[in-house]
Amino acid sequence: MNIRDLPFNMSYRFNEQLREVPVNPHQMKQGIIYLKKRALEEDECAAAKTYGHIGVYERILGELTSSERHLLLAIYLYDRHADTIGEFLNTIRLGHTYHWQEQWDKANETFQLLIEQLKADEDLHIYEDFVYQHYGKCLLDQRVVSRAHHYFQRALEIRLKKGDKELIESTNSCIRLCLNKLKHS
């Protein structure tokens, strides 16, 4: 299933704090209802992917407890089917939800675990820049600005090699916000 094929507007933008906000919250809520119904009809592998999407959109809407629950379910299903990449991706998402819940210990522990997994499994490197970027945002919100800057720089190095202009700009926005906070601290 491709999210772009949903009959609802699931798009979002970034606010000045670099957090996703829905373009149309009502449409996104309707899309989540649709995805929940769909997940019940899917096999476990497809449902794992759907639950991961649900968790992301619930986080964007601020439904953080439900986001956590759906991401944990996705991780469980991916683990059950030995899909290391799916499990890893949804663990990044879970760390992001812990971040938004301001559960700093859980968020930091999750991102540190992800970094350790990156060192142990080269197949996961496709998401390395996302781990660094999201951990940087988490650290920035904890006011650990110099460490956040370090992780944004690591993400930028990888993204420059990938050549994805949208990802590069996203990281540059994080770096600018970080430098602005350092300047005013």
N, C-alpha and C. Protein backbone atom coordinates (compact mmCIF):
# COMPACT_ATOMS: atom_id res chain seq x y z
N MET A 1 0.84 -1.18 0.00
CA MET A 1 0.00 0.00 0.00
C MET A 1 0.88 1.24 0.00
N ASN A 2 0.55 2.16 -0.87
CA ASN A 2 1.25 3.43 -0.94
C ASN A 2 0.38 4.50 -0.29
N ILE A 3 0.96 5.23 0.65
CA ILE A 3 0.21 6.28 1.37
C ILE A 3 -0.36 7.31 0.40
N ARG A 4 0.34 7.56 -0.68
CA ARG A 4 -0.15 8.54 -1.67
C ARG A 4 -1.46 8.12 -2.31
N ASP A 5 -1.77 6.82 -2.24
CA ASP A 5 -3.00 6.31 -2.84
C ASP A 5 -4.21 6.43 -1.91
N LEU A 6 -4.00 6.86 -0.68
CA LEU A 6 -5.13 7.02 0.25
C LEU A 6 -6.06 8.12 -0.24
N PRO A 7 -7.35 7.96 0.00
CA PRO A 7 -8.30 8.99 -0.43
C PRO A 7 -8.39 10.16 0.56
N PHE A 8 -7.33 10.38 1.31
CA PHE A 8 -7.30 11.46 2.32
C PHE A 8 -5.99 12.21 2.20
N ASN A 9 -6.01 13.46 2.63
CA ASN A 9 -4.81 14.30 2.61
C ASN A 9 -3.99 13.99 3.86
N MET A 10 -2.90 13.24 3.68
CA MET A 10 -2.04 12.85 4.80
C MET A 10 -0.77 13.72 4.83
N SER A 11 -0.76 14.80 4.09
CA SER A 11 0.45 15.63 4.00
C SER A 11 0.63 16.48 5.25
N TYR A 12 1.86 16.89 5.44
CA TYR A 12 2.22 17.72 6.60
C TYR A 12 3.31 18.69 6.17
N ARG A 13 3.52 19.67 7.00
CA ARG A 13 4.60 20.64 6.80
C ARG A 13 5.38 20.72 8.10
N PHE A 14 6.46 21.46 8.08
CA PHE A 14 7.27 21.63 9.29
C PHE A 14 7.06 23.03 9.84
N ASN A 15 6.89 23.12 11.16
CA ASN A 15 6.76 24.43 11.78
C ASN A 15 8.15 25.00 12.11
N GLU A 16 8.19 26.14 12.76
CA GLU A 16 9.46 26.81 13.06
C GLU A 16 10.34 26.01 14.02
N GLN A 17 9.74 25.09 14.75
CA GLN A 17 10.52 24.21 15.64
C GLN A 17 10.88 22.89 14.95
N LEU A 18 10.64 22.83 13.64
CA LEU A 18 10.96 21.68 12.80
C LEU A 18 10.15 20.43 13.15
N ARG A 19 8.95 20.66 13.67
CA ARG A 19 8.04 19.55 13.96
C ARG A 19 6.99 19.47 12.86
N GLU A 20 6.60 18.25 12.53
CA GLU A 20 5.57 18.07 11.52
C GLU A 20 4.23 18.51 12.08
N VAL A 21 3.48 19.19 11.23
CA VAL A 21 2.10 19.56 11.56
C VAL A 21 1.24 19.21 10.33
N PRO A 22 0.05 18.66 10.57
CA PRO A 22 -0.78 18.25 9.43
C PRO A 22 -1.27 19.46 8.64
N VAL A 23 -1.32 19.30 7.34
CA VAL A 23 -1.90 20.34 6.48
C VAL A 23 -3.40 20.39 6.72
N ASN A 24 -4.02 19.22 6.89
CA ASN A 24 -5.46 19.13 7.12
C ASN A 24 -5.69 18.09 8.22
N PRO A 25 -5.74 18.52 9.49
CA PRO A 25 -5.89 17.56 10.60
C PRO A 25 -7.10 16.65 10.47
N HIS A 26 -8.24 17.18 10.02
CA HIS A 26 -9.44 16.36 9.88
C HIS A 26 -9.22 15.24 8.87
N GLN A 27 -8.64 15.57 7.72
CA GLN A 27 -8.36 14.57 6.70
C GLN A 27 -7.39 13.51 7.22
N MET A 28 -6.37 13.95 7.98
CA MET A 28 -5.40 13.00 8.52
C MET A 28 -6.07 12.05 9.51
N LYS A 29 -6.97 12.58 10.34
CA LYS A 29 -7.70 11.71 11.28
C LYS A 29 -8.54 10.69 10.52
N GLN A 30 -9.19 11.12 9.46
CA GLN A 30 -9.98 10.20 8.65
C GLN A 30 -9.09 9.15 8.01
N GLY A 31 -7.91 9.57 7.58
CA GLY A 31 -6.96 8.63 7.00
C GLY A 31 -6.50 7.58 8.01
N ILE A 32 -6.32 7.99 9.25
CA ILE A 32 -5.92 7.04 10.31
C ILE A 32 -7.03 6.02 10.53
N ILE A 33 -8.27 6.47 10.57
CA ILE A 33 -9.41 5.54 10.73
C ILE A 33 -9.41 4.53 9.58
N TYR A 34 -9.20 5.02 8.39
CA TYR A 34 -9.14 4.16 7.21
C TYR A 34 -8.01 3.14 7.33
N LEU A 35 -6.83 3.59 7.76
CA LEU A 35 -5.68 2.70 7.90
C LEU A 35 -5.91 1.64 8.99
N LYS A 36 -6.57 2.03 10.08
CA LYS A 36 -6.85 1.07 11.15
C LYS A 36 -7.76 -0.04 10.65
N LYS A 37 -8.77 0.33 9.88
CA LYS A 37 -9.68 -0.69 9.32
C LYS A 37 -8.93 -1.59 8.35
N ARG A 38 -8.10 -0.98 7.55
CA ARG A 38 -7.34 -1.73 6.55
C ARG A 38 -6.39 -2.72 7.22
N ALA A 39 -5.73 -2.30 8.30
CA ALA A 39 -4.76 -3.16 8.99
C ALA A 39 -5.41 -4.44 9.49
N LEU A 40 -6.66 -4.35 9.89
CA LEU A 40 -7.36 -5.53 10.40
C LEU A 40 -7.63 -6.56 9.31
N GLU A 41 -7.59 -6.13 8.05
CA GLU A 41 -7.87 -7.02 6.92
C GLU A 41 -6.59 -7.57 6.29
N GLU A 42 -5.45 -7.07 6.70
CA GLU A 42 -4.18 -7.43 6.07
C GLU A 42 -3.50 -8.60 6.78
N ASP A 43 -2.56 -9.23 6.07
CA ASP A 43 -1.73 -10.23 6.74
C ASP A 43 -0.77 -9.48 7.66
N GLU A 44 -0.09 -10.20 8.54
CA GLU A 44 0.75 -9.56 9.56
C GLU A 44 1.85 -8.69 8.98
N CYS A 45 2.47 -9.11 7.90
CA CYS A 45 3.57 -8.33 7.31
C CYS A 45 3.06 -6.98 6.77
N ALA A 46 1.94 -7.02 6.06
CA ALA A 46 1.36 -5.78 5.54
C ALA A 46 0.83 -4.92 6.69
N ALA A 47 0.24 -5.55 7.70
CA ALA A 47 -0.30 -4.82 8.85
C ALA A 47 0.82 -4.12 9.61
N ALA A 48 1.98 -4.75 9.70
CA ALA A 48 3.12 -4.12 10.39
C ALA A 48 3.44 -2.77 9.74
N LYS A 49 3.48 -2.75 8.42
CA LYS A 49 3.76 -1.51 7.70
C LYS A 49 2.66 -0.47 7.96
N THR A 50 1.43 -0.92 7.92
CA THR A 50 0.30 -0.02 8.14
C THR A 50 0.32 0.54 9.56
N TYR A 51 0.59 -0.31 10.55
CA TYR A 51 0.66 0.17 11.93
C TYR A 51 1.79 1.20 12.11
N GLY A 52 2.89 1.01 11.40
CA GLY A 52 3.96 2.00 11.44
C GLY A 52 3.51 3.35 10.93
N HIS A 53 2.76 3.34 9.81
CA HIS A 53 2.23 4.60 9.27
C HIS A 53 1.24 5.24 10.25
N ILE A 54 0.38 4.41 10.82
CA ILE A 54 -0.58 4.93 11.80
C ILE A 54 0.16 5.63 12.94
N GLY A 55 1.21 4.98 13.45
CA GLY A 55 1.99 5.55 14.54
C GLY A 55 2.59 6.90 14.19
N VAL A 56 3.07 7.04 12.98
CA VAL A 56 3.64 8.31 12.54
C VAL A 56 2.57 9.40 12.50
N TYR A 57 1.44 9.09 11.86
CA TYR A 57 0.40 10.11 11.73
C TYR A 57 -0.23 10.48 13.07
N GLU A 58 -0.33 9.50 13.96
CA GLU A 58 -0.85 9.82 15.30
C GLU A 58 0.13 10.74 16.04
N ARG A 59 1.42 10.51 15.87
CA ARG A 59 2.40 11.42 16.49
C ARG A 59 2.22 12.83 15.95
N ILE A 60 2.08 12.95 14.64
CA ILE A 60 1.93 14.27 14.02
C ILE A 60 0.69 14.97 14.56
N LEU A 61 -0.37 14.22 14.83
CA LEU A 61 -1.60 14.79 15.39
C LEU A 61 -1.53 14.99 16.90
N GLY A 62 -0.46 14.54 17.52
CA GLY A 62 -0.31 14.71 18.97
C GLY A 62 -0.97 13.60 19.78
N GLU A 63 -1.38 12.54 19.13
CA GLU A 63 -1.98 11.39 19.82
C GLU A 63 -0.84 10.43 20.18
N LEU A 64 -0.04 10.85 21.17
CA LEU A 64 1.25 10.21 21.42
C LEU A 64 1.14 8.83 22.06
N THR A 65 0.18 8.62 22.94
CA THR A 65 0.03 7.31 23.57
C THR A 65 -0.37 6.28 22.52
N SER A 66 -1.29 6.63 21.66
CA SER A 66 -1.72 5.73 20.60
C SER A 66 -0.60 5.52 19.58
N SER A 67 0.16 6.57 19.30
CA SER A 67 1.31 6.45 18.41
C SER A 67 2.29 5.42 18.96
N GLU A 68 2.61 5.54 20.23
CA GLU A 68 3.53 4.60 20.86
C GLU A 68 2.99 3.16 20.75
N ARG A 69 1.74 2.98 21.04
CA ARG A 69 1.12 1.65 21.00
C ARG A 69 1.19 1.04 19.60
N HIS A 70 0.88 1.82 18.57
CA HIS A 70 0.91 1.29 17.21
C HIS A 70 2.33 1.02 16.73
N LEU A 71 3.27 1.85 17.13
CA LEU A 71 4.66 1.61 16.73
C LEU A 71 5.21 0.37 17.43
N LEU A 72 4.86 0.18 18.70
CA LEU A 72 5.30 -1.04 19.40
C LEU A 72 4.69 -2.28 18.73
N LEU A 73 3.47 -2.19 18.28
CA LEU A 73 2.83 -3.30 17.58
C LEU A 73 3.55 -3.57 16.26
N ALA A 74 3.87 -2.52 15.52
CA ALA A 74 4.61 -2.69 14.26
C ALA A 74 5.95 -3.36 14.52
N ILE A 75 6.66 -2.90 15.54
CA ILE A 75 7.98 -3.47 15.88
C ILE A 75 7.83 -4.95 16.23
N TYR A 76 6.82 -5.26 17.03
CA TYR A 76 6.56 -6.66 17.41
C TYR A 76 6.34 -7.53 16.17
N LEU A 77 5.51 -7.05 15.25
CA LEU A 77 5.20 -7.84 14.06
C LEU A 77 6.42 -7.98 13.16
N TYR A 78 7.18 -6.91 13.00
CA TYR A 78 8.40 -7.01 12.19
C TYR A 78 9.38 -8.00 12.82
N ASP A 79 9.53 -7.95 14.14
CA ASP A 79 10.42 -8.88 14.83
C ASP A 79 9.93 -10.32 14.65
N ARG A 80 8.65 -10.50 14.76
CA ARG A 80 8.03 -11.83 14.62
C ARG A 80 8.31 -12.43 13.25
N HIS A 81 8.45 -11.57 12.24
CA HIS A 81 8.70 -12.03 10.87
C HIS A 81 10.15 -11.80 10.44
N ALA A 82 11.03 -11.55 11.42
CA ALA A 82 12.47 -11.39 11.19
C ALA A 82 12.78 -10.34 10.12
N ASP A 83 12.02 -9.24 10.13
CA ASP A 83 12.26 -8.13 9.20
C ASP A 83 13.04 -7.06 9.96
N THR A 84 14.36 -7.18 9.92
CA THR A 84 15.24 -6.29 10.69
C THR A 84 15.11 -4.84 10.27
N ILE A 85 14.99 -4.60 8.98
CA ILE A 85 14.91 -3.22 8.49
C ILE A 85 13.59 -2.58 8.92
N GLY A 86 12.48 -3.29 8.79
CA GLY A 86 11.20 -2.76 9.23
C GLY A 86 11.19 -2.48 10.72
N GLU A 87 11.77 -3.38 11.48
CA GLU A 87 11.86 -3.20 12.93
C GLU A 87 12.71 -1.97 13.27
N PHE A 88 13.83 -1.82 12.57
CA PHE A 88 14.73 -0.69 12.81
C PHE A 88 14.04 0.64 12.48
N LEU A 89 13.41 0.71 11.32
CA LEU A 89 12.72 1.93 10.89
C LEU A 89 11.65 2.34 11.90
N ASN A 90 10.89 1.38 12.38
CA ASN A 90 9.83 1.72 13.34
C ASN A 90 10.38 2.02 14.72
N THR A 91 11.57 1.54 15.03
CA THR A 91 12.22 1.93 16.28
C THR A 91 12.68 3.38 16.21
N ILE A 92 13.12 3.83 15.04
CA ILE A 92 13.42 5.26 14.86
C ILE A 92 12.16 6.07 15.13
N ARG A 93 11.06 5.64 14.56
CA ARG A 93 9.78 6.34 14.75
C ARG A 93 9.36 6.34 16.22
N LEU A 94 9.59 5.22 16.90
CA LEU A 94 9.25 5.13 18.32
C LEU A 94 10.11 6.09 19.14
N GLY A 95 11.40 6.17 18.82
CA GLY A 95 12.27 7.14 19.50
C GLY A 95 11.76 8.56 19.31
N HIS A 96 11.27 8.84 18.11
CA HIS A 96 10.71 10.16 17.80
C HIS A 96 9.46 10.42 18.63
N THR A 97 8.62 9.40 18.80
CA THR A 97 7.43 9.55 19.64
C THR A 97 7.82 9.77 21.10
N TYR A 98 8.79 8.99 21.61
CA TYR A 98 9.27 9.22 22.98
C TYR A 98 9.77 10.65 23.13
N HIS A 99 10.44 11.15 22.11
CA HIS A 99 10.93 12.53 22.10
C HIS A 99 9.76 13.50 22.28
N TRP A 100 8.72 13.33 21.48
CA TRP A 100 7.58 14.24 21.56
C TRP A 100 6.83 14.09 22.88
N GLN A 101 6.91 12.92 23.50
CA GLN A 101 6.31 12.71 24.82
C GLN A 101 7.18 13.30 25.93
N GLU A 102 8.35 13.76 25.56
CA GLU A 102 9.36 14.26 26.51
C GLU A 102 9.77 13.19 27.51
N GLN A 103 9.74 11.95 27.07
CA GLN A 103 10.28 10.84 27.85
C GLN A 103 11.76 10.72 27.46
N TRP A 104 12.54 11.65 27.99
CA TRP A 104 13.92 11.82 27.54
C TRP A 104 14.77 10.58 27.74
N ASP A 105 14.63 9.90 28.88
CA ASP A 105 15.43 8.69 29.11
C ASP A 105 15.13 7.62 28.07
N LYS A 106 13.85 7.39 27.81
CA LYS A 106 13.46 6.39 26.81
C LYS A 106 13.93 6.80 25.41
N ALA A 107 13.77 8.07 25.10
CA ALA A 107 14.17 8.56 23.77
C ALA A 107 15.68 8.41 23.59
N ASN A 108 16.45 8.87 24.56
CA ASN A 108 17.90 8.78 24.44
C ASN A 108 18.37 7.34 24.38
N GLU A 109 17.79 6.49 25.20
CA GLU A 109 18.14 5.07 25.21
C GLU A 109 17.82 4.44 23.85
N THR A 110 16.68 4.79 23.29
CA THR A 110 16.28 4.25 21.99
C THR A 110 17.25 4.68 20.89
N PHE A 111 17.60 5.97 20.86
CA PHE A 111 18.52 6.44 19.82
C PHE A 111 19.92 5.87 20.01
N GLN A 112 20.36 5.71 21.24
CA GLN A 112 21.67 5.09 21.48
C GLN A 112 21.67 3.63 21.02
N LEU A 113 20.58 2.92 21.27
CA LEU A 113 20.45 1.54 20.81
C LEU A 113 20.50 1.49 19.28
N LEU A 114 19.82 2.41 18.63
CA LEU A 114 19.83 2.46 17.17
C LEU A 114 21.24 2.71 16.63
N ILE A 115 21.99 3.59 17.28
CA ILE A 115 23.37 3.87 16.86
C ILE A 115 24.23 2.62 17.01
N GLU A 116 24.03 1.89 18.09
CA GLU A 116 24.76 0.63 18.28
C GLU A 116 24.38 -0.38 17.20
N GLN A 117 23.12 -0.44 16.85
CA GLN A 117 22.69 -1.36 15.79
C GLN A 117 23.30 -0.98 14.45
N LEU A 118 23.44 0.31 14.20
CA LEU A 118 24.08 0.76 12.96
C LEU A 118 25.51 0.23 12.86
N LYS A 119 26.20 0.24 13.99
CA LYS A 119 27.59 -0.23 14.01
C LYS A 119 27.68 -1.73 13.73
N ALA A 120 26.64 -2.45 14.10
CA ALA A 120 26.67 -3.92 14.01
C ALA A 120 26.11 -4.47 12.70
N ASP A 121 25.33 -3.68 11.97
CA ASP A 121 24.63 -4.21 10.80
C ASP A 121 24.65 -3.20 9.65
N GLU A 122 25.46 -3.48 8.65
CA GLU A 122 25.61 -2.56 7.52
C GLU A 122 24.32 -2.41 6.71
N ASP A 123 23.43 -3.40 6.77
CA ASP A 123 22.17 -3.30 6.03
C ASP A 123 21.29 -2.15 6.53
N LEU A 124 21.55 -1.69 7.74
CA LEU A 124 20.75 -0.62 8.33
C LEU A 124 21.24 0.77 7.97
N HIS A 125 22.39 0.86 7.33
CA HIS A 125 23.00 2.16 7.05
C HIS A 125 22.15 3.05 6.16
N ILE A 126 21.20 2.47 5.45
CA ILE A 126 20.31 3.27 4.62
C ILE A 126 19.55 4.31 5.46
N TYR A 127 19.37 4.03 6.76
CA TYR A 127 18.64 4.93 7.65
C TYR A 127 19.55 5.69 8.62
N GLU A 128 20.84 5.60 8.44
CA GLU A 128 21.79 6.22 9.37
C GLU A 128 21.55 7.73 9.52
N ASP A 129 21.37 8.42 8.41
CA ASP A 129 21.15 9.86 8.47
C ASP A 129 19.86 10.20 9.21
N PHE A 130 18.84 9.36 9.09
CA PHE A 130 17.59 9.60 9.80
C PHE A 130 17.77 9.44 11.31
N VAL A 131 18.56 8.45 11.72
CA VAL A 131 18.83 8.26 13.14
C VAL A 131 19.52 9.51 13.69
N TYR A 132 20.56 9.98 13.00
CA TYR A 132 21.29 11.16 13.48
C TYR A 132 20.42 12.41 13.49
N GLN A 133 19.63 12.59 12.45
CA GLN A 133 18.76 13.77 12.36
C GLN A 133 17.73 13.77 13.50
N HIS A 134 17.06 12.64 13.71
CA HIS A 134 16.02 12.59 14.74
C HIS A 134 16.62 12.67 16.15
N TYR A 135 17.78 12.06 16.33
CA TYR A 135 18.43 12.17 17.64
C TYR A 135 18.87 13.61 17.87
N GLY A 136 19.35 14.26 16.83
CA GLY A 136 19.71 15.67 16.95
C GLY A 136 18.52 16.52 17.36
N LYS A 137 17.37 16.30 16.75
CA LYS A 137 16.17 17.06 17.13
C LYS A 137 15.78 16.79 18.58
N CYS A 138 15.92 15.55 18.99
CA CYS A 138 15.60 15.17 20.37
C CYS A 138 16.54 15.89 21.34
N LEU A 139 17.82 15.88 21.02
CA LEU A 139 18.80 16.56 21.88
C LEU A 139 18.57 18.07 21.89
N LEU A 140 18.19 18.61 20.74
CA LEU A 140 17.93 20.05 20.66
C LEU A 140 16.79 20.44 21.58
N ASP A 141 15.73 19.64 21.60
CA ASP A 141 14.60 19.93 22.49
C ASP A 141 14.96 19.73 23.96
N GLN A 142 16.01 18.96 24.22
CA GLN A 142 16.50 18.79 25.59
C GLN A 142 17.51 19.89 25.96
N ARG A 143 17.76 20.78 25.01
CA ARG A 143 18.70 21.89 25.17
C ARG A 143 20.15 21.43 25.29
N VAL A 144 20.45 20.31 24.67
CA VAL A 144 21.83 19.81 24.58
C VAL A 144 22.29 20.18 23.16
N VAL A 145 22.46 21.48 22.96
CA VAL A 145 22.59 22.05 21.63
C VAL A 145 23.87 21.63 20.92
N SER A 146 25.00 21.61 21.61
CA SER A 146 26.25 21.26 20.93
C SER A 146 26.25 19.80 20.47
N ARG A 147 25.68 18.90 21.26
CA ARG A 147 25.58 17.50 20.84
C ARG A 147 24.59 17.36 19.69
N ALA A 148 23.51 18.11 19.76
CA ALA A 148 22.54 18.09 18.66
C ALA A 148 23.22 18.52 17.36
N HIS A 149 24.00 19.58 17.44
CA HIS A 149 24.72 20.08 16.27
C HIS A 149 25.64 19.00 15.70
N HIS A 150 26.31 18.27 16.58
CA HIS A 150 27.19 17.18 16.15
C HIS A 150 26.43 16.15 15.32
N TYR A 151 25.25 15.74 15.78
CA TYR A 151 24.47 14.75 15.05
C TYR A 151 23.89 15.30 13.76
N PHE A 152 23.53 16.58 13.75
CA PHE A 152 23.06 17.19 12.50
C PHE A 152 24.18 17.21 11.47
N GLN A 153 25.39 17.50 11.91
CA GLN A 153 26.54 17.51 10.99
C GLN A 153 26.78 16.12 10.41
N ARG A 154 26.66 15.10 11.24
CA ARG A 154 26.84 13.72 10.75
C ARG A 154 25.76 13.37 9.73
N ALA A 155 24.52 13.78 10.02
CA ALA A 155 23.43 13.54 9.07
C ALA A 155 23.69 14.26 7.75
N LEU A 156 24.16 15.50 7.84
CA LEU A 156 24.42 16.29 6.63
C LEU A 156 25.50 15.64 5.77
N GLU A 157 26.57 15.15 6.38
CA GLU A 157 27.64 14.49 5.62
C GLU A 157 27.06 13.33 4.79
N ILE A 158 26.22 12.54 5.40
CA ILE A 158 25.62 11.40 4.71
C ILE A 158 24.68 11.87 3.61
N ARG A 159 23.89 12.87 3.92
CA ARG A 159 22.89 13.36 2.95
C ARG A 159 23.54 14.06 1.77
N LEU A 160 24.66 14.70 1.99
CA LEU A 160 25.37 15.29 0.87
C LEU A 160 25.85 14.20 -0.09
N LYS A 161 26.30 13.08 0.46
CA LYS A 161 26.71 11.96 -0.39
C LYS A 161 25.53 11.36 -1.13
N LYS A 162 24.37 11.30 -0.46
CA LYS A 162 23.16 10.76 -1.10
C LYS A 162 22.68 11.69 -2.21
N GLY A 163 22.89 12.99 -2.01
CA GLY A 163 22.50 13.97 -3.02
C GLY A 163 21.03 14.31 -3.06
N ASP A 164 20.28 13.98 -2.03
CA ASP A 164 18.84 14.27 -1.99
C ASP A 164 18.66 15.70 -1.46
N LYS A 165 18.30 16.61 -2.36
CA LYS A 165 18.22 18.03 -2.01
C LYS A 165 17.22 18.32 -0.89
N GLU A 166 16.10 17.61 -0.89
CA GLU A 166 15.09 17.83 0.15
C GLU A 166 15.63 17.44 1.53
N LEU A 167 16.32 16.30 1.60
CA LEU A 167 16.91 15.87 2.88
C LEU A 167 18.04 16.80 3.32
N ILE A 168 18.83 17.25 2.36
CA ILE A 168 19.92 18.18 2.67
C ILE A 168 19.35 19.47 3.25
N GLU A 169 18.30 20.00 2.63
CA GLU A 169 17.69 21.24 3.12
C GLU A 169 17.08 21.04 4.50
N SER A 170 16.48 19.88 4.73
CA SER A 170 15.92 19.58 6.04
C SER A 170 17.00 19.63 7.12
N THR A 171 18.14 19.01 6.84
CA THR A 171 19.23 19.01 7.81
C THR A 171 19.83 20.41 7.96
N ASN A 172 19.95 21.13 6.85
CA ASN A 172 20.45 22.51 6.95
C ASN A 172 19.54 23.38 7.80
N SER A 173 18.22 23.15 7.72
CA SER A 173 17.29 23.89 8.57
C SER A 173 17.54 23.57 10.04
N CYS A 174 17.81 22.31 10.33
CA CYS A 174 18.12 21.91 11.71
C CYS A 174 19.41 22.58 12.19
N ILE A 175 20.41 22.62 11.33
CA ILE A 175 21.68 23.23 11.70
C ILE A 175 21.50 24.73 11.93
N ARG A 176 20.72 25.39 11.07
CA ARG A 176 20.47 26.82 11.26
C ARG A 176 19.78 27.09 12.60
N LEU A 177 18.77 26.29 12.92
CA LEU A 177 18.07 26.44 14.20
C LEU A 177 19.03 26.21 15.36
N CYS A 178 19.85 25.22 15.22
CA CYS A 178 20.83 24.89 16.25
C CYS A 178 21.81 26.06 16.45
N LEU A 179 22.35 26.57 15.37
CA LEU A 179 23.30 27.69 15.46
C LEU A 179 22.64 28.93 16.04
N ASN A 180 21.39 29.15 15.69
CA ASN A 180 20.64 30.28 16.24
C ASN A 180 20.49 30.13 17.76
N LYS A 181 20.20 28.91 18.22
CA LYS A 181 20.08 28.68 19.66
C LYS A 181 21.42 28.85 20.35
N LEU A 182 22.50 28.39 19.72
CA LEU A 182 23.84 28.57 20.31
C LEU A 182 24.19 30.05 20.41
N LYS A 183 23.83 30.79 19.37
CA LYS A 183 24.12 32.22 19.33
C LYS A 183 23.40 32.98 20.44
N HIS A 184 22.18 32.54 20.78
CA HIS A 184 21.37 33.24 21.77
C HIS A 184 21.42 32.61 23.15
N SER A 185 22.37 31.69 23.37
CA SER A 185 22.44 31.07 24.70
C SER A 185 23.52 31.71 25.56
